[in-house]
Amino acid sequence: RNRSTAGGALRFDEVPLGLDPDDLDKVLGAYPLDVDDDGHQDLVL
């Protein structure tokens, strides 16, 4: 999660995803896309 201040130093905190660990293994890339068109960006892994 981006915790940077506007115009300031960059800062990030890790966000636990709460997914099966196997689903986060062997990931080569990712793209954001609102697949279900509900206004929230989804992730294609």
All heavy atoms as atom14 arrays in JSON, in Angstrom:
{
  "sequence": "RNRSTAGGALRFDEVPLGLDPDDLDKVLGAYPLDVDDDGHQDLVL",
  "atom14_mask": [
    [1, 1, 1, 1, 1, 1, 1, 1, 1, 1, 1, 0, 0, 0],
    [1, 1, 1, 1, 1, 1, 1, 1, 0, 0, 0, 0, 0, 0],
    [1, 1, 1, 1, 1, 1, 1, 1, 1, 1, 1, 0, 0, 0],
    [1, 1, 1, 1, 1, 1, 0, 0, 0, 0, 0, 0, 0, 0],
    [1, 1, 1, 1, 1, 1, 1, 0, 0, 0, 0, 0, 0, 0],
    [1, 1, 1, 1, 1, 0, 0, 0, 0, 0, 0, 0, 0, 0],
    [1, 1, 1, 1, 0, 0, 0, 0, 0, 0, 0, 0, 0, 0],
    [1, 1, 1, 1, 0, 0, 0, 0, 0, 0, 0, 0, 0, 0],
    [1, 1, 1, 1, 1, 0, 0, 0, 0, 0, 0, 0, 0, 0],
    [1, 1, 1, 1, 1, 1, 1, 1, 0, 0, 0, 0, 0, 0],
    [1, 1, 1, 1, 1, 1, 1, 1, 1, 1, 1, 0, 0, 0],
    [1, 1, 1, 1, 1, 1, 1, 1, 1, 1, 1, 0, 0, 0],
    [1, 1, 1, 1, 1, 1, 1, 1, 0, 0, 0, 0, 0, 0],
    [1, 1, 1, 1, 1, 1, 1, 1, 1, 0, 0, 0, 0, 0],
    [1, 1, 1, 1, 1, 1, 1, 0, 0, 0, 0, 0, 0, 0],
    [1, 1, 1, 1, 1, 1, 1, 0, 0, 0, 0, 0, 0, 0],
    [1, 1, 1, 1, 1, 1, 1, 1, 0, 0, 0, 0, 0, 0],
    [1, 1, 1, 1, 0, 0, 0, 0, 0, 0, 0, 0, 0, 0],
    [1, 1, 1, 1, 1, 1, 1, 1, 0, 0, 0, 0, 0, 0],
    [1, 1, 1, 1, 1, 1, 1, 1, 0, 0, 0, 0, 0, 0],
    [1, 1, 1, 1, 1, 1, 1, 0, 0, 0, 0, 0, 0, 0],
    [1, 1, 1, 1, 1, 1, 1, 1, 0, 0, 0, 0, 0, 0],
    [1, 1, 1, 1, 1, 1, 1, 1, 0, 0, 0, 0, 0, 0],
    [1, 1, 1, 1, 1, 1, 1, 1, 0, 0, 0, 0, 0, 0],
    [1, 1, 1, 1, 1, 1, 1, 1, 0, 0, 0, 0, 0, 0],
    [1, 1, 1, 1, 1, 1, 1, 1, 1, 0, 0, 0, 0, 0],
    [1, 1, 1, 1, 1, 1, 1, 0, 0, 0, 0, 0, 0, 0],
    [1, 1, 1, 1, 1, 1, 1, 1, 0, 0, 0, 0, 0, 0],
    [1, 1, 1, 1, 0, 0, 0, 0, 0, 0, 0, 0, 0, 0],
    [1, 1, 1, 1, 1, 0, 0, 0, 0, 0, 0, 0, 0, 0],
    [1, 1, 1, 1, 1, 1, 1, 1, 1, 1, 1, 1, 0, 0],
    [1, 1, 1, 1, 1, 1, 1, 0, 0, 0, 0, 0, 0, 0],
    [1, 1, 1, 1, 1, 1, 1, 1, 0, 0, 0, 0, 0, 0],
    [1, 1, 1, 1, 1, 1, 1, 1, 0, 0, 0, 0, 0, 0],
    [1, 1, 1, 1, 1, 1, 1, 0, 0, 0, 0, 0, 0, 0],
    [1, 1, 1, 1, 1, 1, 1, 1, 0, 0, 0, 0, 0, 0],
    [1, 1, 1, 1, 1, 1, 1, 1, 0, 0, 0, 0, 0, 0],
    [1, 1, 1, 1, 1, 1, 1, 1, 0, 0, 0, 0, 0, 0],
    [1, 1, 1, 1, 0, 0, 0, 0, 0, 0, 0, 0, 0, 0],
    [1, 1, 1, 1, 1, 1, 1, 1, 1, 1, 0, 0, 0, 0],
    [1, 1, 1, 1, 1, 1, 1, 1, 1, 0, 0, 0, 0, 0],
    [1, 1, 1, 1, 1, 1, 1, 1, 0, 0, 0, 0, 0, 0],
    [1, 1, 1, 1, 1, 1, 1, 1, 0, 0, 0, 0, 0, 0],
    [1, 1, 1, 1, 1, 1, 1, 0, 0, 0, 0, 0, 0, 0],
    [1, 1, 1, 1, 1, 1, 1, 1, 0, 0, 0, 0, 0, 0]
  ],
  "atom14_positions": [
    [[0.84, -1.19, 0.0], [0.0, 0.0, 0.0], [0.89, 1.25, 0.0], [1.87, 1.35, 0.73], [-0.9, 0.02, 1.24], [-1.99, 1.09, 1.19], [-2.63, 1.28, 2.57], [-3.14, 0.03, 3.12], [-4.4, -0.39, 3.01], [-5.28, 0.34, 2.34], [-4.78, -1.52, 3.58], [0.0, 0.0, 0.0], [0.0, 0.0, 0.0], [0.0, 0.0, 0.0]],
    [[0.52, 2.21, -0.84], [1.29, 3.44, -0.97], [0.96, 4.39, 0.19], [-0.16, 4.86, 0.32], [0.97, 4.11, -2.31], [1.9, 5.24, -2.65], [2.62, 5.76, -1.8], [1.9, 5.64, -3.91], [0.0, 0.0, 0.0], [0.0, 0.0, 0.0], [0.0, 0.0, 0.0], [0.0, 0.0, 0.0], [0.0, 0.0, 0.0], [0.0, 0.0, 0.0]],
    [[1.95, 4.65, 1.03], [1.8, 5.56, 2.16], [2.6, 6.85, 1.96], [2.85, 7.58, 2.92], [2.28, 4.88, 3.44], [1.48, 3.64, 3.84], [0.06, 4.0, 4.21], [-0.62, 2.91, 4.93], [-1.89, 2.93, 5.27], [-2.64, 3.98, 4.97], [-2.43, 1.91, 5.92], [0.0, 0.0, 0.0], [0.0, 0.0, 0.0], [0.0, 0.0, 0.0]],
    [[2.97, 7.14, 0.73], [3.78, 8.34, 0.46], [2.97, 9.6, 0.74], [1.74, 9.62, 0.6], [4.24, 8.34, -1.0], [4.87, 7.12, -1.35], [0.0, 0.0, 0.0], [0.0, 0.0, 0.0], [0.0, 0.0, 0.0], [0.0, 0.0, 0.0], [0.0, 0.0, 0.0], [0.0, 0.0, 0.0], [0.0, 0.0, 0.0], [0.0, 0.0, 0.0]],
    [[3.67, 10.64, 1.13], [3.04, 11.95, 1.27], [3.19, 12.7, -0.04], [4.17, 12.52, -0.77], [3.67, 12.75, 2.41], [5.08, 12.88, 2.17], [3.44, 12.07, 3.75], [0.0, 0.0, 0.0], [0.0, 0.0, 0.0], [0.0, 0.0, 0.0], [0.0, 0.0, 0.0], [0.0, 0.0, 0.0], [0.0, 0.0, 0.0], [0.0, 0.0, 0.0]],
    [[2.22, 13.53, -0.34], [2.25, 14.27, -1.61], [3.5, 15.14, -1.68], [3.75, 15.97, -0.81], [1.0, 15.14, -1.73], [0.0, 0.0, 0.0], [0.0, 0.0, 0.0], [0.0, 0.0, 0.0], [0.0, 0.0, 0.0], [0.0, 0.0, 0.0], [0.0, 0.0, 0.0], [0.0, 0.0, 0.0], [0.0, 0.0, 0.0], [0.0, 0.0, 0.0]],
    [[4.31, 14.9, -2.71], [5.54, 15.65, -2.88], [6.66, 15.24, -1.96], [7.72, 15.87, -1.96], [0.0, 0.0, 0.0], [0.0, 0.0, 0.0], [0.0, 0.0, 0.0], [0.0, 0.0, 0.0], [0.0, 0.0, 0.0], [0.0, 0.0, 0.0], [0.0, 0.0, 0.0], [0.0, 0.0, 0.0], [0.0, 0.0, 0.0], [0.0, 0.0, 0.0]],
    [[6.47, 14.17, -1.19], [7.47, 13.75, -0.21], [8.12, 12.44, -0.55], [7.98, 11.91, -1.66], [0.0, 0.0, 0.0], [0.0, 0.0, 0.0], [0.0, 0.0, 0.0], [0.0, 0.0, 0.0], [0.0, 0.0, 0.0], [0.0, 0.0, 0.0], [0.0, 0.0, 0.0], [0.0, 0.0, 0.0], [0.0, 0.0, 0.0], [0.0, 0.0, 0.0]],
    [[8.84, 11.91, 0.44], [9.55, 10.64, 0.26], [8.55, 9.52, -0.01], [7.39, 9.56, 0.43], [10.38, 10.33, 1.5], [0.0, 0.0, 0.0], [0.0, 0.0, 0.0], [0.0, 0.0, 0.0], [0.0, 0.0, 0.0], [0.0, 0.0, 0.0], [0.0, 0.0, 0.0], [0.0, 0.0, 0.0], [0.0, 0.0, 0.0], [0.0, 0.0, 0.0]],
    [[9.01, 8.5, -0.73], [8.16, 7.37, -1.05], [8.15, 6.39, 0.13], [9.18, 6.11, 0.74], [8.66, 6.66, -2.31], [8.82, 7.56, -3.55], [9.3, 6.73, -4.74], [7.53, 8.28, -3.89], [0.0, 0.0, 0.0], [0.0, 0.0, 0.0], [0.0, 0.0, 0.0], [0.0, 0.0, 0.0], [0.0, 0.0, 0.0], [0.0, 0.0, 0.0]],
    [[6.96, 5.86, 0.43], [6.83, 4.92, 1.53], [5.71, 3.94, 1.25], [4.63, 4.33, 0.78], [6.56, 5.66, 2.84], [6.56, 4.74, 4.07], [6.62, 5.56, 5.35], [5.42, 6.33, 5.57], [4.33, 5.88, 6.2], [4.31, 4.64, 6.66], [3.28, 6.65, 6.38], [0.0, 0.0, 0.0], [0.0, 0.0, 0.0], [0.0, 0.0, 0.0]],
    [[5.96, 2.66, 1.53], [4.99, 1.6, 1.29], [4.92, 0.67, 2.48], [5.92, 0.42, 3.15], [5.36, 0.79, 0.04], [5.24, 1.55, -1.25], [6.25, 2.4, -1.68], [4.12, 1.41, -2.05], [6.14, 3.11, -2.87], [4.0, 2.11, -3.25], [5.02, 2.97, -3.66], [0.0, 0.0, 0.0], [0.0, 0.0, 0.0], [0.0, 0.0, 0.0]],
    [[3.72, 0.13, 2.74], [3.51, -0.9, 3.75], [2.94, -2.14, 3.07], [2.04, -2.03, 2.22], [2.52, -0.44, 4.82], [3.06, 0.7, 5.68], [4.3, 0.83, 5.76], [2.25, 1.44, 6.26], [0.0, 0.0, 0.0], [0.0, 0.0, 0.0], [0.0, 0.0, 0.0], [0.0, 0.0, 0.0], [0.0, 0.0, 0.0], [0.0, 0.0, 0.0]],
    [[3.44, -3.31, 3.43], [2.89, -4.54, 2.86], [1.48, -4.79, 3.37], [1.18, -4.58, 4.55], [3.78, -5.74, 3.17], [3.29, -7.01, 2.48], [4.21, -8.19, 2.67], [5.3, -8.03, 3.27], [3.83, -9.3, 2.21], [0.0, 0.0, 0.0], [0.0, 0.0, 0.0], [0.0, 0.0, 0.0], [0.0, 0.0, 0.0], [0.0, 0.0, 0.0]],
    [[0.61, -5.25, 2.49], [-0.78, -5.57, 2.82], [-0.96, -7.07, 2.73], [-0.77, -7.66, 1.66], [-1.76, -4.88, 1.84], [-3.2, -5.24, 2.2], [-1.57, -3.37, 1.86], [0.0, 0.0, 0.0], [0.0, 0.0, 0.0], [0.0, 0.0, 0.0], [0.0, 0.0, 0.0], [0.0, 0.0, 0.0], [0.0, 0.0, 0.0], [0.0, 0.0, 0.0]],
    [[-1.3, -7.75, 3.84], [-1.57, -9.19, 3.74], [-2.77, -9.44, 2.82], [-3.82, -8.83, 2.97], [-1.9, -9.58, 5.19], [-1.32, -8.49, 6.04], [-1.42, -7.24, 5.21], [0.0, 0.0, 0.0], [0.0, 0.0, 0.0], [0.0, 0.0, 0.0], [0.0, 0.0, 0.0], [0.0, 0.0, 0.0], [0.0, 0.0, 0.0], [0.0, 0.0, 0.0]],
    [[-2.6, -10.34, 1.88], [-3.66, -10.59, 0.91], [-4.67, -11.62, 1.37], [-5.8, -11.68, 0.86], [-3.04, -11.03, -0.42], [-2.45, -9.89, -1.26], [-1.56, -10.43, -2.36], [-3.56, -9.04, -1.84], [0.0, 0.0, 0.0], [0.0, 0.0, 0.0], [0.0, 0.0, 0.0], [0.0, 0.0, 0.0], [0.0, 0.0, 0.0], [0.0, 0.0, 0.0]],
    [[-4.29, -12.47, 2.32], [-5.23, -13.44, 2.83], [-5.64, -14.51, 1.84], [-6.7, -15.12, 1.98], [0.0, 0.0, 0.0], [0.0, 0.0, 0.0], [0.0, 0.0, 0.0], [0.0, 0.0, 0.0], [0.0, 0.0, 0.0], [0.0, 0.0, 0.0], [0.0, 0.0, 0.0], [0.0, 0.0, 0.0], [0.0, 0.0, 0.0], [0.0, 0.0, 0.0]],
    [[-4.81, -14.76, 0.84], [-5.1, -15.78, -0.17], [-4.34, -17.07, 0.15], [-3.43, -17.08, 0.99], [-4.71, -15.28, -1.55], [-5.41, -14.01, -2.04], [-4.74, -13.48, -3.29], [-6.89, -14.29, -2.3], [0.0, 0.0, 0.0], [0.0, 0.0, 0.0], [0.0, 0.0, 0.0], [0.0, 0.0, 0.0], [0.0, 0.0, 0.0], [0.0, 0.0, 0.0]],
    [[-4.72, -18.13, -0.52], [-3.96, -19.37, -0.41], [-2.53, -19.1, -0.84], [-2.3, -18.56, -1.93], [-4.6, -20.43, -1.31], [-3.98, -21.81, -1.15], [-2.76, -21.88, -0.9], [-4.7, -22.8, -1.31], [0.0, 0.0, 0.0], [0.0, 0.0, 0.0], [0.0, 0.0, 0.0], [0.0, 0.0, 0.0], [0.0, 0.0, 0.0], [0.0, 0.0, 0.0]],
    [[-1.53, -19.44, -0.03], [-0.14, -19.17, -0.41], [0.24, -19.74, -1.78], [1.07, -19.15, -2.48], [0.67, -19.82, 0.72], [-0.25, -19.81, 1.89], [-1.63, -20.03, 1.31], [0.0, 0.0, 0.0], [0.0, 0.0, 0.0], [0.0, 0.0, 0.0], [0.0, 0.0, 0.0], [0.0, 0.0, 0.0], [0.0, 0.0, 0.0], [0.0, 0.0, 0.0]],
    [[-0.35, -20.87, -2.16], [-0.03, -21.46, -3.46], [-0.44, -20.53, -4.61], [0.16, -20.56, -5.69], [-0.73, -22.81, -3.63], [-0.13, -23.89, -2.75], [1.01, -23.69, -2.26], [-0.79, -24.91, -2.54], [0.0, 0.0, 0.0], [0.0, 0.0, 0.0], [0.0, 0.0, 0.0], [0.0, 0.0, 0.0], [0.0, 0.0, 0.0], [0.0, 0.0, 0.0]],
    [[-1.48, -19.72, -4.4], [-1.94, -18.81, -5.46], [-0.97, -17.65, -5.67], [-1.0, -17.01, -6.73], [-3.33, -18.27, -5.13], [-4.4, -19.34, -5.23], [-4.19, -20.32, -5.97], [-5.44, -19.2, -4.56], [0.0, 0.0, 0.0], [0.0, 0.0, 0.0], [0.0, 0.0, 0.0], [0.0, 0.0, 0.0], [0.0, 0.0, 0.0], [0.0, 0.0, 0.0]],
    [[-0.15, -17.35, -4.69], [0.82, -16.27, -4.81], [2.2, -16.79, -5.18], [3.15, -16.01, -5.3], [0.89, -15.48, -3.5], [-0.41, -14.77, -3.1], [-0.26, -14.1, -1.75], [-0.82, -13.75, -4.16], [0.0, 0.0, 0.0], [0.0, 0.0, 0.0], [0.0, 0.0, 0.0], [0.0, 0.0, 0.0], [0.0, 0.0, 0.0], [0.0, 0.0, 0.0]],
    [[2.31, -18.07, -5.4], [3.56, -18.69, -5.86], [3.54, -18.77, -7.38], [2.48, -18.77, -8.01], [3.67, -20.1, -5.26], [5.0, -20.76, -5.57], [6.0, -20.04, -5.75], [5.04, -22.0, -5.63], [0.0, 0.0, 0.0], [0.0, 0.0, 0.0], [0.0, 0.0, 0.0], [0.0, 0.0, 0.0], [0.0, 0.0, 0.0], [0.0, 0.0, 0.0]],
    [[4.72, -18.76, -7.98], [4.89, -18.93, -9.43], [4.21, -17.8, -10.22], [3.76, -18.01, -11.34], [4.36, -20.29, -9.89], [5.04, -21.48, -9.23], [4.5, -22.79, -9.76], [5.15, -23.97, -9.08], [4.62, -25.26, -9.57], [0.0, 0.0, 0.0], [0.0, 0.0, 0.0], [0.0, 0.0, 0.0], [0.0, 0.0, 0.0], [0.0, 0.0, 0.0]],
    [[4.15, -16.61, -9.65], [3.58, -15.46, -10.35], [4.68, -14.79, -11.17], [5.73, -14.42, -10.64], [2.95, -14.45, -9.37], [2.43, -13.23, -10.13], [1.82, -15.11, -8.59], [0.0, 0.0, 0.0], [0.0, 0.0, 0.0], [0.0, 0.0, 0.0], [0.0, 0.0, 0.0], [0.0, 0.0, 0.0], [0.0, 0.0, 0.0], [0.0, 0.0, 0.0]],
    [[4.43, -14.63, -12.48], [5.41, -14.01, -13.37], [5.1, -12.54, -13.65], [6.01, -11.77, -13.95], [5.48, -14.76, -14.71], [6.21, -16.09, -14.7], [5.32, -17.22, -14.2], [6.74, -16.43, -16.09], [0.0, 0.0, 0.0], [0.0, 0.0, 0.0], [0.0, 0.0, 0.0], [0.0, 0.0, 0.0], [0.0, 0.0, 0.0], [0.0, 0.0, 0.0]],
    [[3.83, -12.16, -13.61], [3.48, -10.78, -13.92], [2.07, -10.49, -13.49], [1.32, -11.38, -13.06], [0.0, 0.0, 0.0], [0.0, 0.0, 0.0], [0.0, 0.0, 0.0], [0.0, 0.0, 0.0], [0.0, 0.0, 0.0], [0.0, 0.0, 0.0], [0.0, 0.0, 0.0], [0.0, 0.0, 0.0], [0.0, 0.0, 0.0], [0.0, 0.0, 0.0]],
    [[1.66, -9.21, -13.63], [0.32, -8.81, -13.19], [-0.1, -7.55, -13.93], [0.73, -6.69, -14.24], [0.29, -8.57, -11.68], [0.0, 0.0, 0.0], [0.0, 0.0, 0.0], [0.0, 0.0, 0.0], [0.0, 0.0, 0.0], [0.0, 0.0, 0.0], [0.0, 0.0, 0.0], [0.0, 0.0, 0.0], [0.0, 0.0, 0.0], [0.0, 0.0, 0.0]],
    [[-1.42, -7.46, -14.18], [-2.01, -6.28, -14.81], [-3.28, -5.88, -14.06], [-4.1, -6.75, -13.73], [-2.34, -6.55, -16.27], [-1.12, -6.63, -17.17], [-0.42, -7.83, -17.29], [-0.67, -5.51, -17.86], [0.7, -7.91, -18.1], [0.45, -5.6, -18.67], [1.14, -6.79, -18.78], [2.25, -6.88, -19.58], [0.0, 0.0, 0.0], [0.0, 0.0, 0.0]],
    [[-3.48, -4.59, -13.8], [-4.74, -4.14, -13.2], [-5.81, -3.94, -14.27], [-5.54, -3.43, -15.35], [-4.36, -2.81, -12.55], [-3.24, -2.29, -13.4], [-2.52, -3.49, -13.96], [0.0, 0.0, 0.0], [0.0, 0.0, 0.0], [0.0, 0.0, 0.0], [0.0, 0.0, 0.0], [0.0, 0.0, 0.0], [0.0, 0.0, 0.0], [0.0, 0.0, 0.0]],
    [[-7.02, -4.36, -13.95], [-8.14, -4.26, -14.89], [-9.43, -4.49, -14.11], [-9.52, -5.44, -13.33], [-8.0, -5.31, -15.99], [-9.19, -5.51, -16.93], [-9.38, -4.28, -17.81], [-9.01, -6.75, -17.78], [0.0, 0.0, 0.0], [0.0, 0.0, 0.0], [0.0, 0.0, 0.0], [0.0, 0.0, 0.0], [0.0, 0.0, 0.0], [0.0, 0.0, 0.0]],
    [[-10.42, -3.65, -14.34], [-11.72, -3.81, -13.69], [-12.53, -4.81, -14.52], [-13.38, -4.45, -15.34], [-12.43, -2.46, -13.6], [-13.71, -2.53, -12.8], [-14.06, -3.61, -12.31], [-14.37, -1.47, -12.67], [0.0, 0.0, 0.0], [0.0, 0.0, 0.0], [0.0, 0.0, 0.0], [0.0, 0.0, 0.0], [0.0, 0.0, 0.0], [0.0, 0.0, 0.0]],
    [[-12.29, -6.1, -14.28], [-12.87, -7.15, -15.11], [-14.4, -7.16, -14.99], [-15.11, -7.27, -15.99], [-12.3, -8.53, -14.72], [-12.97, -9.64, -15.52], [-10.79, -8.56, -14.96], [0.0, 0.0, 0.0], [0.0, 0.0, 0.0], [0.0, 0.0, 0.0], [0.0, 0.0, 0.0], [0.0, 0.0, 0.0], [0.0, 0.0, 0.0], [0.0, 0.0, 0.0]],
    [[-14.91, -7.06, -13.76], [-16.36, -7.12, -13.57], [-17.03, -5.75, -13.62], [-18.23, -5.64, -13.4], [-16.71, -7.83, -12.27], [-16.08, -7.18, -11.05], [-15.29, -6.24, -11.21], [-16.39, -7.62, -9.93], [0.0, 0.0, 0.0], [0.0, 0.0, 0.0], [0.0, 0.0, 0.0], [0.0, 0.0, 0.0], [0.0, 0.0, 0.0], [0.0, 0.0, 0.0]],
    [[-16.25, -4.71, -13.91], [-16.78, -3.37, -14.2], [-17.62, -2.83, -13.03], [-18.63, -2.18, -13.23], [-17.62, -3.41, -15.47], [-17.57, -2.07, -16.23], [-16.56, -1.37, -16.11], [-18.54, -1.75, -16.93], [0.0, 0.0, 0.0], [0.0, 0.0, 0.0], [0.0, 0.0, 0.0], [0.0, 0.0, 0.0], [0.0, 0.0, 0.0], [0.0, 0.0, 0.0]],
    [[-17.13, -3.08, -11.79], [-17.85, -2.59, -10.61], [-17.22, -1.34, -10.01], [-17.66, -0.87, -8.97], [-17.94, -3.69, -9.55], [-16.57, -4.07, -8.98], [-15.53, -3.61, -9.51], [-16.54, -4.84, -7.99], [0.0, 0.0, 0.0], [0.0, 0.0, 0.0], [0.0, 0.0, 0.0], [0.0, 0.0, 0.0], [0.0, 0.0, 0.0], [0.0, 0.0, 0.0]],
    [[-16.2, -0.81, -10.67], [-15.53, 0.38, -10.18], [-14.25, 0.1, -9.41], [-13.44, 1.01, -9.21], [0.0, 0.0, 0.0], [0.0, 0.0, 0.0], [0.0, 0.0, 0.0], [0.0, 0.0, 0.0], [0.0, 0.0, 0.0], [0.0, 0.0, 0.0], [0.0, 0.0, 0.0], [0.0, 0.0, 0.0], [0.0, 0.0, 0.0], [0.0, 0.0, 0.0]],
    [[-14.04, -1.13, -8.97], [-12.82, -1.52, -8.27], [-11.87, -2.23, -9.24], [-12.28, -3.13, -9.97], [-13.13, -2.46, -7.1], [-13.94, -1.84, -6.01], [-13.43, -0.88, -5.17], [-15.22, -2.03, -5.65], [-14.37, -0.51, -4.31], [-15.48, -1.19, -4.58], [0.0, 0.0, 0.0], [0.0, 0.0, 0.0], [0.0, 0.0, 0.0], [0.0, 0.0, 0.0]],
    [[-10.61, -1.83, -9.22], [-9.63, -2.5, -10.06], [-9.37, -3.92, -9.54], [-9.18, -4.14, -8.35], [-8.32, -1.72, -10.08], [-8.4, -0.37, -10.79], [-8.47, -0.51, -12.31], [-8.27, -1.6, -12.86], [-8.72, 0.6, -12.99], [0.0, 0.0, 0.0], [0.0, 0.0, 0.0], [0.0, 0.0, 0.0], [0.0, 0.0, 0.0], [0.0, 0.0, 0.0]],
    [[-9.39, -4.88, -10.46], [-9.03, -6.26, -10.16], [-7.58, -6.48, -10.59], [-6.95, -5.6, -11.18], [-9.97, -7.21, -10.89], [-11.44, -6.85, -10.67], [-11.83, -6.64, -9.51], [-12.19, -6.75, -11.67], [0.0, 0.0, 0.0], [0.0, 0.0, 0.0], [0.0, 0.0, 0.0], [0.0, 0.0, 0.0], [0.0, 0.0, 0.0], [0.0, 0.0, 0.0]],
    [[-7.06, -7.67, -10.33], [-5.71, -8.03, -10.73], [-5.75, -9.32, -11.54], [-6.34, -10.31, -11.11], [-4.8, -8.22, -9.52], [-4.22, -6.96, -8.88], [-3.56, -7.28, -7.54], [-3.2, -6.3, -9.82], [0.0, 0.0, 0.0], [0.0, 0.0, 0.0], [0.0, 0.0, 0.0], [0.0, 0.0, 0.0], [0.0, 0.0, 0.0], [0.0, 0.0, 0.0]],
    [[-5.11, -9.29, -12.71], [-4.92, -10.49, -13.51], [-3.49, -10.95, -13.3], [-2.55, -10.2, -13.59], [-5.2, -10.21, -15.0], [-4.94, -11.47, -15.82], [-6.62, -9.72, -15.2], [0.0, 0.0, 0.0], [0.0, 0.0, 0.0], [0.0, 0.0, 0.0], [0.0, 0.0, 0.0], [0.0, 0.0, 0.0], [0.0, 0.0, 0.0], [0.0, 0.0, 0.0]],
    [[-3.33, -12.17, -12.77], [-2.0, -12.7, -12.47], [-1.58, -13.69, -13.54], [-2.3, -14.65, -13.84], [-1.99, -13.39, -11.11], [-2.48, -12.6, -9.9], [-2.14, -13.35, -8.61], [-1.89, -11.2, -9.87], [0.0, 0.0, 0.0], [0.0, 0.0, 0.0], [0.0, 0.0, 0.0], [0.0, 0.0, 0.0], [0.0, 0.0, 0.0], [0.0, 0.0, 0.0]]
  ]
}
